[in-house]
Protein backbone atom coordinates (compact mmCIF):
# COMPACT_ATOMS: atom_id res chain seq x y z
CA MET A 1 0.00 0.00 0.00
CA SER A 2 1.37 3.39 -0.93
CA TRP A 3 1.87 6.24 1.49
CA SER A 4 -1.01 8.29 -0.01
CA ALA A 5 -3.35 5.28 0.16
CA THR A 6 -2.43 4.81 3.82
CA CYS A 7 -3.16 8.51 4.52
CA ARG A 8 -6.53 8.30 2.78
CA SER A 9 -7.42 5.17 4.70
CA THR A 10 -6.41 6.80 7.99
CA LEU A 11 -8.38 9.95 7.18
CA ARG A 12 -11.47 7.89 6.33
CA ALA A 13 -11.29 6.36 9.78
CA LEU A 14 -10.46 9.60 11.63
CA VAL A 15 -12.95 12.01 10.06
CA PRO A 16 -16.09 10.28 11.38
CA ALA A 17 -14.48 9.98 14.81
CA LEU A 18 -13.57 13.68 14.80
CA VAL A 19 -17.07 14.65 13.68
CA LEU A 20 -18.68 12.51 16.40
CA GLY A 21 -16.25 13.83 19.01
CA THR A 22 -16.96 17.42 18.04
CA TRP A 23 -20.70 16.74 18.06
CA ALA A 24 -20.45 15.25 21.58
CA ILE A 25 -18.62 18.34 22.85
CA VAL A 26 -21.19 20.67 21.27
CA VAL A 27 -24.07 18.69 22.76
CA GLN A 28 -22.47 18.83 26.21
CA GLU A 29 -22.26 22.63 25.95
CA VAL A 30 -25.63 23.31 24.30
CA VAL A 31 -27.90 20.99 26.31
CA PRO A 32 -27.10 22.52 29.74
CA ALA A 33 -27.52 26.00 28.26
CA ALA A 34 -30.90 25.03 26.81
CA GLN A 35 -31.94 23.49 30.12
CA SER A 36 -30.95 26.62 32.04
CA ALA A 37 -32.91 28.70 29.51
CA ARG A 38 -36.02 26.83 30.64
CA ARG A 39 -35.97 28.47 34.06
CA THR A 40 -39.07 30.39 34.95
CA VAL A 41 -40.14 32.85 37.60
CA TRP A 42 -41.92 29.87 39.18
CA ASP A 43 -38.48 28.51 40.15
CA GLY A 44 -38.00 31.15 42.87
CA VAL A 45 -35.64 33.72 41.36
CA TYR A 46 -35.67 36.33 44.15
CA THR A 47 -35.57 36.27 47.94
CA GLU A 48 -38.15 37.45 50.47
CA ALA A 49 -35.62 39.94 51.87
CA GLN A 50 -35.04 41.36 48.40
CA ALA A 51 -38.78 41.74 47.77
CA LYS A 52 -39.07 43.57 51.09
CA LYS A 53 -36.38 46.05 49.98
CA GLY A 54 -38.14 46.31 46.64
CA MET A 55 -41.43 47.13 48.35
CA ALA A 56 -39.82 50.10 50.13
CA ALA A 57 -38.22 51.30 46.87
CA TYR A 58 -41.52 50.84 45.02
CA GLN A 59 -43.45 52.86 47.59
CA GLU A 60 -40.90 55.67 47.35
CA GLN A 61 -40.31 55.67 43.58
CA CYS A 62 -43.31 54.09 41.85
CA SER A 63 -46.48 54.29 43.93
CA PHE A 64 -47.29 57.87 42.98
CA CYS A 65 -48.26 56.72 39.47
CA HIS A 66 -48.85 52.98 39.84
CA LEU A 67 -50.51 53.39 43.27
CA ALA A 68 -49.57 51.71 46.53
CA ASP A 69 -51.57 48.58 45.68
CA LEU A 70 -50.00 48.36 42.16
CA SER A 71 -53.44 48.75 40.55
CA GLY A 72 -52.32 51.63 38.33
CA GLU A 73 -54.22 54.70 37.32
CA GLY A 74 -54.62 56.69 34.13
CA PHE A 75 -51.52 56.30 31.97
CA ALA A 76 -49.76 54.08 34.55
CA PRO A 77 -50.76 50.45 33.97
CA ALA A 78 -51.55 48.01 36.73
CA LEU A 79 -48.55 45.92 37.78
CA ILE A 80 -50.53 43.06 39.30
CA GLU A 81 -52.80 40.19 38.42
CA ASP A 82 -54.17 39.74 34.90
CA THR A 83 -52.75 42.96 33.47
CA PHE A 84 -49.22 42.06 34.56
CA LYS A 85 -49.47 38.35 33.76
CA SER A 86 -50.99 38.94 30.32
CA ARG A 87 -48.27 41.44 29.46
CA TRP A 88 -45.39 39.21 30.53
CA GLN A 89 -46.61 35.66 29.89
CA ASP A 90 -44.48 35.32 26.75
CA GLY A 91 -41.64 37.54 27.95
CA ASN A 92 -38.55 37.05 30.01
CA LEU A 93 -37.22 38.65 33.16
CA ALA A 94 -34.46 40.55 31.33
CA ASP A 95 -37.02 42.42 29.26
CA LEU A 96 -39.00 43.36 32.36
CA PHE A 97 -35.85 44.52 34.16
CA ILE A 98 -34.70 46.59 31.16
CA ILE A 99 -38.09 48.23 30.59
CA VAL A 100 -38.46 49.13 34.26
CA LYS A 101 -34.94 50.53 34.34
CA GLN A 102 -35.13 52.48 31.08
CA THR A 103 -38.57 53.98 31.64
CA MET A 104 -39.03 54.42 35.39
CA PRO A 105 -39.50 56.55 37.29
CA GLN A 106 -41.23 58.34 34.45
CA ASP A 107 -39.81 61.74 35.35
CA LYS A 108 -36.23 60.42 35.75
CA PRO A 109 -35.68 57.10 33.96
CA ALA A 110 -32.60 55.02 34.81
CA SER A 111 -31.92 57.18 37.86
CA LEU A 112 -31.84 54.33 40.40
CA GLY A 113 -29.08 51.82 40.91
CA ASP A 114 -29.27 48.45 39.15
CA GLN A 115 -29.71 46.64 42.45
CA GLU A 116 -32.64 48.88 43.40
CA TYR A 117 -34.31 48.08 40.06
CA ALA A 118 -33.74 44.36 40.70
CA ASP A 119 -35.30 44.74 44.15
CA ILE A 120 -38.36 46.46 42.64
CA VAL A 121 -38.72 43.66 40.08
CA ALA A 122 -38.50 41.16 42.96
CA PHE A 123 -41.32 43.04 44.69
CA LEU A 124 -43.40 42.88 41.48
CA LEU A 125 -42.83 39.13 41.30
CA LYS A 126 -43.85 38.66 44.93
CA SER A 127 -46.92 40.86 44.44
CA ASN A 128 -47.95 38.62 41.56
CA LYS A 129 -47.59 35.51 43.71
CA TYR A 130 -44.48 34.08 42.08
CA PRO A 131 -42.54 32.14 44.74
CA ALA A 132 -39.39 33.37 46.44
CA GLY A 133 -36.22 31.33 46.37
CA GLU A 134 -32.81 31.07 47.99
CA LYS A 135 -30.85 33.45 45.74
CA PRO A 136 -31.56 37.11 45.05
CA LEU A 137 -32.51 38.34 41.62
CA GLU A 138 -29.33 39.54 39.94
CA PRO A 139 -29.40 42.92 38.16
CA ASP A 140 -27.83 41.33 35.07
CA PRO A 141 -29.94 41.27 31.88
CA LEU A 142 -27.79 38.51 30.36
CA ALA A 143 -28.49 36.23 33.31
CA LEU A 144 -32.18 37.18 33.36
CA LYS A 145 -32.70 36.57 29.63
CA GLY A 146 -33.10 32.82 30.24
CA VAL A 147 -35.83 33.24 32.87
CA GLY A 148 -39.31 33.15 31.37
CA PHE A 149 -42.76 33.60 32.85
CA ARG A 150 -44.56 30.53 31.49
CA GLN A 151 -44.48 27.35 33.54
């Protein structure tokens, strides 16, 4: 057998093995990422303590327009029950965080710290009866992108 025939024979054996090995590595990386993307607000993505801080921040920064009971008034939509759940059922937590941060308070958007916005979002989740968990809600849109609202 010539040298070139030996190389071709070796390559025929190696290429499928390399393809399968690469595929196995990709699957190991993609499957956990896809599984983590399936997290929802029903998994407990904020803490009770954080929601309590968020309630204080909400009362100070948001209740003038959205009212103390989150029922909204006039141009300020309700932030509880069907209005909230209908709006966010197909969304993710990053979008909620970003919208709250970029638009609120209406007279001075993006004027609070990221952690304070995360605390307010935690309060909104608690007010809508989503369960608390062990870890606080992080003020990181990239991390929140994989957290949906649908069970």
